[in-house]
């Protein structure tokens, strides 16, 4: 079996039953990130604040694996309100604008954590295998 590295940056909130990211070979799969701060508290109901926190959480994971936004090859975003999409996209663009990864957005009826309005996941390919 291929070596699997579980990634849970100290700067991110603690998770139970899953990892913030998993690295297999030179690929890192980042779990859906929401607007939870390092204390595990939702940053509020504002979609821009939640998207900003999700992006910051992804950046922390990228830092942990020695990667940058240019290493992101695929992102999926789940939003609960179409009206918020433009503002959320602008916030995510802080991370991806220069590198244009493959991208999917899905409008959903709701997310599992009450009050959450956006969730972002990513796949990252490292230039050098770190496993």
Protein backbone atom coordinates (compact mmCIF):
# COMPACT_ATOMS: atom_id res chain seq x y z
CA UNK A 1 0.00 0.00 0.00
CA UNK A 2 1.18 3.53 -0.77
CA UNK A 3 2.28 5.59 2.22
CA UNK A 4 -0.41 7.98 3.42
CA UNK A 5 0.43 11.15 5.39
CA UNK A 6 -2.32 12.76 7.48
CA UNK A 7 -2.08 16.55 7.57
CA UNK A 8 -3.58 18.62 10.39
CA UNK A 9 -1.84 22.00 10.73
CA UNK A 10 -1.55 23.40 14.25
CA UNK A 11 -3.01 26.67 12.95
CA UNK A 12 -6.27 24.93 11.93
CA UNK A 13 -9.17 23.77 14.06
CA UNK A 14 -9.08 20.26 15.46
CA UNK A 15 -11.06 17.65 13.56
CA UNK A 16 -12.48 14.35 14.77
CA UNK A 17 -12.70 11.33 12.53
CA UNK A 18 -11.02 12.91 9.51
CA UNK A 19 -7.91 14.88 8.56
CA UNK A 20 -7.69 18.39 7.15
CA UNK A 21 -5.77 16.82 4.26
CA UNK A 22 -4.20 13.53 3.20
CA UNK A 23 -1.07 13.19 1.11
CA UNK A 24 -0.50 10.12 -1.03
CA UNK A 25 2.67 10.28 -3.10
CA UNK A 26 2.91 13.79 -4.51
CA UNK A 27 -0.85 14.43 -4.36
CA UNK A 28 -2.57 16.17 -1.45
CA UNK A 29 -6.35 15.94 -1.04
CA UNK A 30 -7.64 18.86 1.04
CA UNK A 31 -10.89 18.21 2.89
CA UNK A 32 -13.74 20.67 2.50
CA UNK A 33 -12.80 23.84 4.35
CA UNK A 34 -15.45 26.06 5.87
CA UNK A 35 -15.43 29.28 7.87
CA UNK A 36 -14.11 27.72 11.08
CA UNK A 37 -11.27 29.55 12.81
CA UNK A 38 -8.45 27.79 14.68
CA UNK A 39 -10.70 27.51 17.77
CA UNK A 40 -13.37 25.70 15.74
CA UNK A 41 -15.77 28.65 15.81
CA UNK A 42 -17.72 29.76 12.75
CA UNK A 43 -16.54 33.27 11.78
CA UNK A 44 -20.15 34.42 11.34
CA UNK A 45 -22.96 34.22 8.80
CA UNK A 46 -21.27 36.52 6.29
CA UNK A 47 -20.39 34.53 3.13
CA UNK A 48 -17.30 36.66 2.40
CA UNK A 49 -15.90 36.14 5.92
CA UNK A 50 -16.58 32.40 5.68
CA UNK A 51 -14.93 32.18 2.25
CA UNK A 52 -11.93 34.18 3.51
CA UNK A 53 -11.52 31.79 6.45
CA UNK A 54 -11.85 28.74 4.17
CA UNK A 55 -9.11 30.19 1.93
CA UNK A 56 -6.92 30.89 4.98
CA UNK A 57 -7.43 27.28 6.11
CA UNK A 58 -6.35 26.03 2.67
CA UNK A 59 -3.29 28.30 2.77
CA UNK A 60 -2.32 26.80 6.14
CA UNK A 61 -2.47 23.32 4.63
CA UNK A 62 -0.45 24.44 1.60
CA UNK A 63 2.19 25.87 3.96
CA UNK A 64 2.26 22.64 5.94
CA UNK A 65 3.10 20.59 2.81
CA UNK A 66 5.51 23.15 1.35
CA UNK A 67 3.21 24.08 -1.52
CA UNK A 68 1.63 27.23 -2.87
CA UNK A 69 -1.47 28.19 -4.84
CA UNK A 70 0.32 27.22 -8.07
CA UNK A 71 0.19 23.59 -6.90
CA UNK A 72 -3.62 23.52 -6.74
CA UNK A 73 -4.90 21.56 -9.74
CA UNK A 74 -8.60 21.18 -8.86
CA UNK A 75 -11.05 22.94 -6.57
CA UNK A 76 -14.68 22.29 -5.71
CA UNK A 77 -16.84 24.90 -4.02
CA UNK A 78 -20.24 24.28 -2.49
CA UNK A 79 -22.48 27.31 -1.88
CA UNK A 80 -25.93 27.56 -0.35
CA UNK A 81 -27.05 30.79 -2.03
CA UNK A 82 -26.52 31.73 -5.67
CA UNK A 83 -26.69 35.44 -4.77
CA UNK A 84 -23.48 35.15 -2.73
CA UNK A 85 -21.48 33.44 -5.47
CA UNK A 86 -19.80 36.55 -6.93
CA UNK A 87 -18.49 37.72 -3.56
CA UNK A 88 -17.34 34.21 -2.65
CA UNK A 89 -15.56 33.81 -6.00
CA UNK A 90 -13.73 37.09 -5.46
CA UNK A 91 -12.46 35.85 -2.10
CA UNK A 92 -11.36 32.49 -3.54
CA UNK A 93 -9.68 34.39 -6.36
CA UNK A 94 -7.19 35.76 -3.82
CA UNK A 95 -5.80 32.23 -3.83
CA UNK A 96 -6.33 31.03 -7.38
CA UNK A 97 -6.49 34.01 -9.77
CA UNK A 98 -2.92 33.68 -11.08
CA UNK A 99 -3.00 29.90 -11.48
CA UNK A 100 -6.49 28.99 -12.75
CA UNK A 101 -6.99 25.41 -11.49
CA UNK A 102 -9.82 23.23 -12.78
CA UNK A 103 -12.89 24.36 -10.88
CA UNK A 104 -16.41 23.21 -10.06
CA UNK A 105 -19.11 25.06 -8.15
CA UNK A 106 -22.18 23.31 -6.82
CA UNK A 107 -25.29 25.03 -5.47
CA UNK A 108 -26.52 22.97 -2.50
CA UNK A 109 -29.59 23.15 -0.28
CA UNK A 110 -27.41 23.20 2.82
CA UNK A 111 -24.14 22.16 4.42
CA UNK A 112 -23.78 19.87 7.42
CA UNK A 113 -22.52 22.51 9.90
CA UNK A 114 -25.39 24.86 10.82
CA UNK A 115 -24.80 28.40 9.58
CA UNK A 116 -22.18 27.39 7.02
CA UNK A 117 -22.79 28.91 3.58
CA UNK A 118 -19.63 27.92 1.67
CA UNK A 119 -17.25 24.94 1.63
CA UNK A 120 -14.10 24.65 -0.49
CA UNK A 121 -12.01 21.55 -1.19
CA UNK A 122 -8.88 21.18 -3.29
CA UNK A 123 -6.46 18.74 -4.86
CA UNK A 124 -2.80 19.72 -4.86
CA UNK A 125 0.09 18.17 -6.79
CA UNK A 126 3.52 18.72 -5.27
CA UNK A 127 6.51 19.29 -7.48
CA UNK A 128 8.61 16.85 -5.44
CA UNK A 129 7.19 13.86 -3.62
CA UNK A 130 7.24 14.58 0.12
CA UNK A 131 5.85 11.27 1.40
